[in-house]
Amino acid sequence: MKQKTVHAPSNKLCIMTLSALFLCLIFIFLATYSVGAVTRTAEMRQLTKGRTYTCYDVTGDLKKDSFCYRSGETGYTNFYINGKYVSRVFTARGSIVYWARLTNAKVYLLVSSSLYGGQGHCFMQYKNGKFVTVSGSVASEKYNFRYFNPSRVAGHSVFFTGSPKFMPDEFNNPSEQYITGTSKFTMIGGKFQLQTRYLTPGGTTSYTTSKGFYTSTSNTTKNTSGIYVPRGARIKVVKIFMPTTPNGYPVRYLISYGGKTGWLFSQNA
């Protein structure tokens, strides 16, 4: 019986196969890198004053920079890149700086300032050799909040979490059991804009009432046509509404009792 002769692959075929595999790997690597450079995951980090960071891109060129911020002249915070002063921002009584990167790979410095009589935040971006403000201040005073701190980023948005300045005296021990609300600011047209005045409640959301009261059917015009809540009832806050100006009523609360809901306007207005 005649045996078949098995021929070993030629050197030329092996080289062509390995070359093709090598080129495929390079293509996959380049494609992955290029996509990652444009669609980076949204991320935010709180930076410590006086510490030099070398693991973040603060200039927006997709390269890591050496960055530091320190207290400057009275009321100012100074920014440094590679040990050199580049710019400053007015922060009154002090500041905390956050590094934030959105999914479009744009990076910002979010400066939280202890202003006189309140708290404010401004978004800054590196342009033409210095940091410039790209959006006006997000002030806690404007929304009747005691504080407003950046809590996370997602997509093109920055989320702030804070506690209302005034708690309804219809709640027992409101000063000891503060509720929190989370708002969402999204970069639109070069500015971070508040997306909704309806906030998601957190922290302490269940309270026992200190007195009986009627709720309102509207969160814009106060009335007494809503549900009645007796003293000693257990209620739950399901939504928080921020007013448009600090001169109107404080924050309004949509509460749930007995399977029904109604708006509560704080008597501290």
C-alpha atoms as a PDB file:
ATOM      1  CA  MET A   1       0.000   0.000   0.000  1.00  0.00           C
ATOM      2  CA  LYS A   2       1.434   3.315  -1.065  1.00  0.00           C
ATOM      3  CA  GLN A   3       1.788   5.863   1.730  1.00  0.00           C
ATOM      4  CA  LYS A   4       0.845   9.514   1.284  1.00  0.00           C
ATOM      5  CA  THR A   5       3.618  11.999   1.527  1.00  0.00           C
ATOM      6  CA  VAL A   6       2.976  14.817   4.020  1.00  0.00           C
ATOM      7  CA  HIS A   7       4.688  18.041   3.043  1.00  0.00           C
ATOM      8  CA  ALA A   8       5.734  20.513   5.733  1.00  0.00           C
ATOM      9  CA  PRO A   9       4.475  24.063   5.279  1.00  0.00           C
ATOM     10  CA  SER A  10       6.848  26.208   3.323  1.00  0.00           C
ATOM     11  CA  ASN A  11       8.790  28.936   5.096  1.00  0.00           C
ATOM     12  CA  LYS A  12       7.123  31.494   2.841  1.00  0.00           C
ATOM     13  CA  LEU A  13       3.616  30.403   3.941  1.00  0.00           C
ATOM     14  CA  CYS A  14       4.574  30.535   7.621  1.00  0.00           C
ATOM     15  CA  ILE A  15       5.981  34.022   7.277  1.00  0.00           C
ATOM     16  CA  MET A  16       2.859  35.254   5.463  1.00  0.00           C
ATOM     17  CA  THR A  17       0.581  33.751   8.134  1.00  0.00           C
ATOM     18  CA  LEU A  18       2.541  35.255  11.034  1.00  0.00           C
ATOM     19  CA  SER A  19       2.659  38.629   9.291  1.00  0.00           C
ATOM     20  CA  ALA A  20      -1.107  38.603   8.810  1.00  0.00           C
ATOM     21  CA  LEU A  21      -1.681  37.753  12.477  1.00  0.00           C
ATOM     22  CA  PHE A  22       0.748  40.465  13.571  1.00  0.00           C
ATOM     23  CA  LEU A  23      -1.017  43.090  11.441  1.00  0.00           C
ATOM     24  CA  CYS A  24      -4.404  42.045  12.859  1.00  0.00           C
ATOM     25  CA  LEU A  25      -3.113  42.480  16.406  1.00  0.00           C
ATOM     26  CA  ILE A  26      -1.746  45.933  15.588  1.00  0.00           C
ATOM     27  CA  PHE A  27      -5.069  46.947  14.018  1.00  0.00           C
ATOM     28  CA  ILE A  28      -7.049  45.757  17.042  1.00  0.00           C
ATOM     29  CA  PHE A  29      -4.697  47.606  19.416  1.00  0.00           C
ATOM     30  CA  LEU A  30      -4.865  50.866  17.460  1.00  0.00           C
ATOM     31  CA  ALA A  31      -8.645  50.679  17.109  1.00  0.00           C
ATOM     32  CA  THR A  32      -9.069  50.057  20.824  1.00  0.00           C
ATOM     33  CA  TYR A  33      -6.671  52.847  21.781  1.00  0.00           C
ATOM     34  CA  SER A  34      -8.223  55.407  19.451  1.00  0.00           C
ATOM     35  CA  VAL A  35     -11.763  54.681  20.667  1.00  0.00           C
ATOM     36  CA  GLY A  36     -10.623  54.770  24.284  1.00  0.00           C
ATOM     37  CA  ALA A  37      -8.983  58.142  23.758  1.00  0.00           C
ATOM     38  CA  VAL A  38     -12.245  59.698  22.606  1.00  0.00           C
ATOM     39  CA  THR A  39     -14.792  57.882  24.748  1.00  0.00           C
ATOM     40  CA  ARG A  40     -13.050  57.799  28.108  1.00  0.00           C
ATOM     41  CA  THR A  41     -15.087  56.694  31.113  1.00  0.00           C
ATOM     42  CA  ALA A  42     -16.449  59.582  33.182  1.00  0.00           C
ATOM     43  CA  GLU A  43     -14.423  59.968  36.361  1.00  0.00           C
ATOM     44  CA  MET A  44     -13.992  62.434  39.243  1.00  0.00           C
ATOM     45  CA  ARG A  45     -11.409  62.703  42.030  1.00  0.00           C
ATOM     46  CA  GLN A  46     -11.082  65.091  44.975  1.00  0.00           C
ATOM     47  CA  LEU A  47      -7.585  66.602  45.049  1.00  0.00           C
ATOM     48  CA  THR A  48      -5.693  67.514  48.210  1.00  0.00           C
ATOM     49  CA  LYS A  49      -4.407  71.070  48.527  1.00  0.00           C
ATOM     50  CA  GLY A  50      -0.609  71.279  48.394  1.00  0.00           C
ATOM     51  CA  ARG A  51      -0.121  67.780  46.977  1.00  0.00           C
ATOM     52  CA  THR A  52       1.385  67.340  43.504  1.00  0.00           C
ATOM     53  CA  TYR A  53      -0.462  64.922  41.207  1.00  0.00           C
ATOM     54  CA  THR A  54       1.190  63.300  38.195  1.00  0.00           C
ATOM     55  CA  CYS A  55      -1.475  60.776  37.170  1.00  0.00           C
ATOM     56  CA  TYR A  56      -4.151  63.096  35.740  1.00  0.00           C
ATOM     57  CA  ASP A  57      -4.583  64.991  32.496  1.00  0.00           C
ATOM     58  CA  VAL A  58      -5.610  68.524  33.508  1.00  0.00           C
ATOM     59  CA  THR A  59      -4.857  70.311  30.231  1.00  0.00           C
ATOM     60  CA  GLY A  60      -7.036  68.175  27.950  1.00  0.00           C
ATOM     61  CA  ASP A  61      -4.261  66.890  25.664  1.00  0.00           C
ATOM     62  CA  LEU A  62      -4.752  63.247  26.780  1.00  0.00           C
ATOM     63  CA  LYS A  63      -1.351  63.301  28.504  1.00  0.00           C
ATOM     64  CA  LYS A  64      -0.663  63.130  32.231  1.00  0.00           C
ATOM     65  CA  ASP A  65       0.390  66.406  33.848  1.00  0.00           C
ATOM     66  CA  SER A  66       2.123  67.451  37.047  1.00  0.00           C
ATOM     67  CA  PHE A  67      -0.554  69.506  38.812  1.00  0.00           C
ATOM     68  CA  CYS A  68      -0.881  71.188  42.194  1.00  0.00           C
ATOM     69  CA  TYR A  69      -3.068  73.858  43.783  1.00  0.00           C
ATOM     70  CA  ARG A  70      -2.259  75.989  46.829  1.00  0.00           C
ATOM     71  CA  SER A  71      -3.614  78.923  48.778  1.00  0.00           C
ATOM     72  CA  GLY A  72      -2.448  82.206  47.294  1.00  0.00           C
ATOM     73  CA  GLU A  73      -3.123  85.778  48.296  1.00  0.00           C
ATOM     74  CA  THR A  74      -6.009  86.307  50.700  1.00  0.00           C
ATOM     75  CA  GLY A  75      -9.155  84.894  49.115  1.00  0.00           C
ATOM     76  CA  TYR A  76      -7.429  83.211  46.141  1.00  0.00           C
ATOM     77  CA  THR A  77      -6.381  79.688  45.124  1.00  0.00           C
ATOM     78  CA  ASN A  78      -3.380  79.289  42.789  1.00  0.00           C
ATOM     79  CA  PHE A  79      -2.898  76.569  40.145  1.00  0.00           C
ATOM     80  CA  TYR A  80       0.480  75.125  39.111  1.00  0.00           C
ATOM     81  CA  ILE A  81       1.497  72.863  36.218  1.00  0.00           C
ATOM     82  CA  ASN A  82       4.987  71.311  36.172  1.00  0.00           C
ATOM     83  CA  GLY A  83       5.865  73.474  39.165  1.00  0.00           C
ATOM     84  CA  LYS A  84       5.007  76.734  37.376  1.00  0.00           C
ATOM     85  CA  TYR A  85       2.171  79.104  38.330  1.00  0.00           C
ATOM     86  CA  VAL A  86      -0.459  79.317  35.574  1.00  0.00           C
ATOM     87  CA  SER A  87      -3.523  81.062  37.044  1.00  0.00           C
ATOM     88  CA  ARG A  88      -5.685  81.682  40.092  1.00  0.00           C
ATOM     89  CA  VAL A  89      -9.355  81.868  41.081  1.00  0.00           C
ATOM     90  CA  PHE A  90     -11.157  83.748  43.853  1.00  0.00           C
ATOM     91  CA  THR A  91     -12.349  81.282  46.510  1.00  0.00           C
ATOM     92  CA  ALA A  92     -12.936  83.594  49.512  1.00  0.00           C
ATOM     93  CA  ARG A  93     -12.424  81.536  52.697  1.00  0.00           C
ATOM     94  CA  GLY A  94     -10.985  78.389  51.124  1.00  0.00           C
ATOM     95  CA  SER A  95     -11.456  75.788  48.442  1.00  0.00           C
ATOM     96  CA  ILE A  96     -11.536  72.110  47.515  1.00  0.00           C
ATOM     97  CA  VAL A  97     -10.636  71.218  43.924  1.00  0.00           C
ATOM     98  CA  TYR A  98     -11.996  68.202  42.060  1.00  0.00           C
ATOM     99  CA  TRP A  99     -10.594  66.765  38.836  1.00  0.00           C
ATOM    100  CA  ALA A 100     -13.398  65.643  36.526  1.00  0.00           C
ATOM    101  CA  ARG A 101     -13.351  63.925  33.136  1.00  0.00           C
ATOM    102  CA  LEU A 102     -16.541  63.427  31.124  1.00  0.00           C
ATOM    103  CA  THR A 103     -17.134  60.695  28.543  1.00  0.00           C
ATOM    104  CA  ASN A 104     -16.235  63.042  25.694  1.00  0.00           C
ATOM    105  CA  ALA A 105     -12.674  63.027  27.131  1.00  0.00           C
ATOM    106  CA  LYS A 106     -12.949  66.697  28.154  1.00  0.00           C
ATOM    107  CA  VAL A 107     -11.458  67.441  31.549  1.00  0.00           C
ATOM    108  CA  TYR A 108     -12.409  70.137  34.052  1.00  0.00           C
ATOM    109  CA  LEU A 109     -11.398  71.441  37.432  1.00  0.00           C
ATOM    110  CA  LEU A 110     -14.436  71.762  39.654  1.00  0.00           C
ATOM    111  CA  VAL A 111     -13.599  74.360  42.305  1.00  0.00           C
ATOM    112  CA  SER A 112     -15.701  74.266  45.469  1.00  0.00           C
ATOM    113  CA  SER A 113     -15.388  77.547  47.373  1.00  0.00           C
ATOM    114  CA  SER A 114     -16.389  78.627  50.870  1.00  0.00           C
ATOM    115  CA  LEU A 115     -17.931  81.960  49.947  1.00  0.00           C
ATOM    116  CA  TYR A 116     -19.075  84.615  52.382  1.00  0.00           C
ATOM    117  CA  GLY A 117     -22.575  83.544  53.430  1.00  0.00           C
ATOM    118  CA  GLY A 118     -22.699  80.373  51.370  1.00  0.00           C
ATOM    119  CA  GLN A 119     -20.927  77.873  49.159  1.00  0.00           C
ATOM    120  CA  GLY A 120     -20.243  77.979  45.433  1.00  0.00           C
ATOM    121  CA  HIS A 121     -18.789  75.804  42.693  1.00  0.00           C
ATOM    122  CA  CYS A 122     -17.322  76.812  39.361  1.00  0.00           C
ATOM    123  CA  PHE A 123     -16.131  74.709  36.412  1.00  0.00           C
ATOM    124  CA  MET A 124     -12.741  75.580  34.935  1.00  0.00           C
ATOM    125  CA  GLN A 125     -10.898  74.379  31.825  1.00  0.00           C
ATOM    126  CA  TYR A 126      -7.336  74.821  30.596  1.00  0.00           C
ATOM    127  CA  LYS A 127      -7.170  77.137  27.565  1.00  0.00           C
ATOM    128  CA  ASN A 128      -4.317  79.171  26.081  1.00  0.00           C
ATOM    129  CA  GLY A 129      -1.952  78.446  28.949  1.00  0.00           C
ATOM    130  CA  LYS A 130      -4.283  79.090  31.876  1.00  0.00           C
ATOM    131  CA  PHE A 131      -7.424  77.858  33.611  1.00  0.00           C
ATOM    132  CA  VAL A 132     -10.559  79.807  32.722  1.00  0.00           C
ATOM    133  CA  THR A 133     -14.111  79.563  34.019  1.00  0.00           C
ATOM    134  CA  VAL A 134     -16.371  77.796  31.514  1.00  0.00           C
ATOM    135  CA  SER A 135     -19.565  78.005  33.539  1.00  0.00           C
ATOM    136  CA  GLY A 136     -20.964  80.247  36.237  1.00  0.00           C
ATOM    137  CA  SER A 137     -21.047  79.334  39.898  1.00  0.00           C
ATOM    138  CA  VAL A 138     -23.383  76.632  41.193  1.00  0.00           C
ATOM    139  CA  ALA A 139     -24.214  78.301  44.512  1.00  0.00           C
ATOM    140  CA  SER A 140     -25.862  76.477  47.414  1.00  0.00           C
ATOM    141  CA  GLU A 141     -27.481  79.756  48.478  1.00  0.00           C
ATOM    142  CA  LYS A 142     -29.320  80.002  45.163  1.00  0.00           C
ATOM    143  CA  TYR A 143     -31.150  76.762  45.857  1.00  0.00           C
ATOM    144  CA  ASN A 144     -31.735  77.223  49.615  1.00  0.00           C
ATOM    145  CA  PHE A 145     -29.313  74.447  50.478  1.00  0.00           C
ATOM    146  CA  ARG A 146     -26.935  74.472  53.455  1.00  0.00           C
ATOM    147  CA  TYR A 147     -24.296  72.820  51.291  1.00  0.00           C
ATOM    148  CA  PHE A 148     -23.972  71.379  47.802  1.00  0.00           C
ATOM    149  CA  ASN A 149     -21.081  68.995  47.125  1.00  0.00           C
ATOM    150  CA  PRO A 150     -20.156  67.170  43.893  1.00  0.00           C
ATOM    151  CA  SER A 151     -20.875  63.481  44.452  1.00  0.00           C
ATOM    152  CA  ARG A 152     -20.261  61.749  41.094  1.00  0.00           C
ATOM    153  CA  VAL A 153     -20.054  62.136  37.312  1.00  0.00           C
ATOM    154  CA  ALA A 154     -21.735  60.170  34.539  1.00  0.00           C
ATOM    155  CA  GLY A 155     -21.788  60.815  30.800  1.00  0.00           C
ATOM    156  CA  HIS A 156     -21.687  64.586  30.311  1.00  0.00           C
ATOM    157  CA  SER A 157     -23.141  65.330  33.760  1.00  0.00           C
ATOM    158  CA  VAL A 158     -21.964  66.188  37.266  1.00  0.00           C
ATOM    159  CA  PHE A 159     -24.193  65.286  40.216  1.00  0.00           C
ATOM    160  CA  PHE A 160     -24.355  67.394  43.388  1.00  0.00           C
ATOM    161  CA  THR A 161     -25.683  66.187  46.729  1.00  0.00           C
ATOM    162  CA  GLY A 162     -26.636  68.516  49.554  1.00  0.00           C
ATOM    163  CA  SER A 163     -28.995  69.191  52.412  1.00  0.00           C
ATOM    164  CA  PRO A 164     -31.755  71.854  52.387  1.00  0.00           C
ATOM    165  CA  LYS A 165     -31.118  74.910  54.533  1.00  0.00           C
ATOM    166  CA  PHE A 166     -34.601  74.777  56.046  1.00  0.00           C
ATOM    167  CA  MET A 167     -36.371  71.630  57.263  1.00  0.00           C
ATOM    168  CA  PRO A 168     -40.138  71.720  57.869  1.00  0.00           C
ATOM    169  CA  ASP A 169     -41.052  72.142  61.530  1.00  0.00           C
ATOM    170  CA  GLU A 170     -43.819  69.605  60.817  1.00  0.00           C
ATOM    171  CA  PHE A 171     -41.061  66.983  61.104  1.00  0.00           C
ATOM    172  CA  ASN A 172     -39.930  65.797  64.550  1.00  0.00           C
ATOM    173  CA  ASN A 173     -36.247  66.528  65.288  1.00  0.00           C
ATOM    174  CA  PRO A 174     -35.542  67.832  61.754  1.00  0.00           C
ATOM    175  CA  SER A 175     -32.203  69.354  62.793  1.00  0.00           C
ATOM    176  CA  GLU A 176     -30.935  65.954  63.911  1.00  0.00           C
ATOM    177  CA  GLN A 177     -32.155  63.960  60.918  1.00  0.00           C
ATOM    178  CA  TYR A 178     -31.283  65.846  57.773  1.00  0.00           C
ATOM    179  CA  ILE A 179     -32.503  64.718  54.411  1.00  0.00           C
ATOM    180  CA  THR A 180     -30.329  65.095  51.309  1.00  0.00           C
ATOM    181  CA  GLY A 181     -31.154  65.794  47.691  1.00  0.00           C
ATOM    182  CA  THR A 182     -29.163  64.987  44.543  1.00  0.00           C
ATOM    183  CA  SER A 183     -29.277  67.271  41.498  1.00  0.00           C
ATOM    184  CA  LYS A 184     -27.859  66.876  37.995  1.00  0.00           C
ATOM    185  CA  PHE A 185     -25.919  69.483  35.989  1.00  0.00           C
ATOM    186  CA  THR A 186     -25.128  68.662  32.342  1.00  0.00           C
ATOM    187  CA  MET A 187     -22.697  70.362  29.970  1.00  0.00           C
ATOM    188  CA  ILE A 188     -24.855  71.944  27.236  1.00  0.00           C
ATOM    189  CA  GLY A 189     -23.661  74.660  24.891  1.00  0.00           C
ATOM    190  CA  GLY A 190     -20.493  75.287  26.899  1.00  0.00           C
ATOM    191  CA  LYS A 191     -22.298  75.625  30.230  1.00  0.00           C
ATOM    192  CA  PHE A 192     -23.233  73.241  33.016  1.00  0.00           C
ATOM    193  CA  GLN A 193     -26.980  73.565  33.314  1.00  0.00           C
ATOM    194  CA  LEU A 194     -29.361  72.247  35.968  1.00  0.00           C
ATOM    195  CA  GLN A 195     -31.473  69.541  34.325  1.00  0.00           C
ATOM    196  CA  THR A 196     -34.355  69.382  36.773  1.00  0.00           C
ATOM    197  CA  ARG A 197     -35.489  71.039  39.984  1.00  0.00           C
ATOM    198  CA  TYR A 198     -36.976  67.746  41.159  1.00  0.00           C
ATOM    199  CA  LEU A 199     -34.347  66.049  43.287  1.00  0.00           C
ATOM    200  CA  THR A 200     -33.967  62.466  44.389  1.00  0.00           C
ATOM    201  CA  PRO A 201     -34.119  62.313  48.218  1.00  0.00           C
ATOM    202  CA  GLY A 202     -31.552  60.478  50.297  1.00  0.00           C
ATOM    203  CA  GLY A 203     -30.320  60.313  53.883  1.00  0.00           C
ATOM    204  CA  THR A 204     -33.254  60.376  56.307  1.00  0.00           C
ATOM    205  CA  THR A 205     -36.466  60.237  54.262  1.00  0.00           C
ATOM    206  CA  SER A 206     -38.986  58.996  56.865  1.00  0.00           C
ATOM    207  CA  TYR A 207     -40.263  61.259  59.646  1.00  0.00           C
ATOM    208  CA  THR A 208     -42.918  61.387  62.351  1.00  0.00           C
ATOM    209  CA  THR A 209     -45.073  64.520  62.173  1.00  0.00           C
ATOM    210  CA  SER A 210     -44.994  66.964  65.082  1.00  0.00           C
ATOM    211  CA  LYS A 211     -48.456  68.392  64.265  1.00  0.00           C
ATOM    212  CA  GLY A 212     -51.360  67.934  61.883  1.00  0.00           C
ATOM    213  CA  PHE A 213     -51.432  69.796  58.550  1.00  0.00           C
ATOM    214  CA  TYR A 214     -52.955  69.897  55.079  1.00  0.00           C
ATOM    215  CA  THR A 215     -50.693  69.431  52.102  1.00  0.00           C
ATOM    216  CA  SER A 216     -50.799  71.341  48.831  1.00  0.00           C
ATOM    217  CA  THR A 217     -51.835  69.906  45.464  1.00  0.00           C
ATOM    218  CA  SER A 218     -49.310  72.204  43.757  1.00  0.00           C
ATOM    219  CA  ASN A 219     -45.606  72.737  44.307  1.00  0.00           C
ATOM    220  CA  THR A 220     -45.661  76.216  42.754  1.00  0.00           C
ATOM    221  CA  THR A 221     -48.728  77.818  44.382  1.00  0.00           C
ATOM    222  CA  LYS A 222     -49.369  76.916  48.004  1.00  0.00           C
ATOM    223  CA  ASN A 223     -52.879  75.717  48.886  1.00  0.00           C
ATOM    224  CA  THR A 224     -54.571  73.468  51.465  1.00  0.00           C
ATOM    225  CA  SER A 225     -56.482  71.241  49.044  1.00  0.00           C
ATOM    226  CA  GLY A 226     -54.211  68.243  49.445  1.00  0.00           C
ATOM    227  CA  ILE A 227     -54.335  65.311  51.840  1.00  0.00           C
ATOM    228  CA  TYR A 228     -54.536  65.865  55.601  1.00  0.00           C
ATOM    229  CA  VAL A 229     -51.729  64.408  57.696  1.00  0.00           C
ATOM    230  CA  PRO A 230     -52.440  64.063  61.459  1.00  0.00           C
ATOM    231  CA  ARG A 231     -49.970  64.591  64.272  1.00  0.00           C
ATOM    232  CA  GLY A 232     -47.833  61.542  65.035  1.00  0.00           C
ATOM    233  CA  ALA A 233     -48.229  60.120  61.517  1.00  0.00           C
ATOM    234  CA  ARG A 234     -45.299  58.407  59.822  1.00  0.00           C
ATOM    235  CA  ILE A 235     -44.617  60.028  56.453  1.00  0.00           C
ATOM    236  CA  LYS A 236     -42.009  59.506  53.729  1.00  0.00           C
ATOM    237  CA  VAL A 237     -40.404  62.113  51.456  1.00  0.00           C
ATOM    238  CA  VAL A 238     -40.526  60.844  47.864  1.00  0.00           C
ATOM    239  CA  LYS A 239     -39.384  63.947  45.966  1.00  0.00           C
ATOM    240  CA  ILE A 240     -37.752  67.324  46.659  1.00  0.00           C
ATOM    241  CA  PHE A 241     -38.402  70.478  44.629  1.00  0.00           C
ATOM    242  CA  MET A 242     -35.975  73.426  44.596  1.00  0.00           C
ATOM    243  CA  PRO A 243     -37.495  76.911  44.197  1.00  0.00           C
ATOM    244  CA  THR A 244     -36.245  79.278  41.506  1.00  0.00           C
ATOM    245  CA  THR A 245     -35.041  82.024  43.853  1.00  0.00           C
ATOM    246  CA  PRO A 246     -33.841  82.130  47.461  1.00  0.00           C
ATOM    247  CA  ASN A 247     -36.405  84.830  48.245  1.00  0.00           C
ATOM    248  CA  GLY A 248     -39.438  82.600  47.770  1.00  0.00           C
ATOM    249  CA  TYR A 249     -40.510  79.602  49.771  1.00  0.00           C
ATOM    250  CA  PRO A 250     -37.762  77.178  50.795  1.00  0.00           C
ATOM    251  CA  VAL A 251     -37.454  73.715  49.337  1.00  0.00           C
ATOM    252  CA  ARG A 252     -40.792  71.882  48.925  1.00  0.00           C
ATOM    253  CA  TYR A 253     -41.285  68.216  49.803  1.00  0.00           C
ATOM    254  CA  LEU A 254     -43.581  65.723  48.132  1.00  0.00           C
ATOM    255  CA  ILE A 255     -44.608  63.437  50.981  1.00  0.00           C
ATOM    256  CA  SER A 256     -46.424  60.128  50.995  1.00  0.00           C
ATOM    257  CA  TYR A 257     -49.007  59.182  53.647  1.00  0.00           C
ATOM    258  CA  GLY A 258     -51.700  56.514  53.548  1.00  0.00           C
ATOM    259  CA  GLY A 259     -50.950  55.681  49.913  1.00  0.00           C
ATOM    260  CA  LYS A 260     -51.489  59.297  48.795  1.00  0.00           C
ATOM    261  CA  THR A 261     -49.111  62.197  48.179  1.00  0.00           C
ATOM    262  CA  GLY A 262     -49.124  65.936  48.697  1.00  0.00           C
ATOM    263  CA  TRP A 263     -46.682  68.859  48.721  1.00  0.00           C
ATOM    264  CA  LEU A 264     -45.443  70.325  51.982  1.00  0.00           C
ATOM    265  CA  PHE A 265     -44.302  73.954  52.130  1.00  0.00           C
ATOM    266  CA  SER A 266     -42.031  74.511  55.119  1.00  0.00           C
ATOM    267  CA  GLN A 267     -43.379  76.860  57.761  1.00  0.00           C
ATOM    268  CA  ASN A 268     -39.829  78.220  58.024  1.00  0.00           C
ATOM    269  CA  ALA A 269     -40.412  80.223  54.837  1.00  0.00           C
END
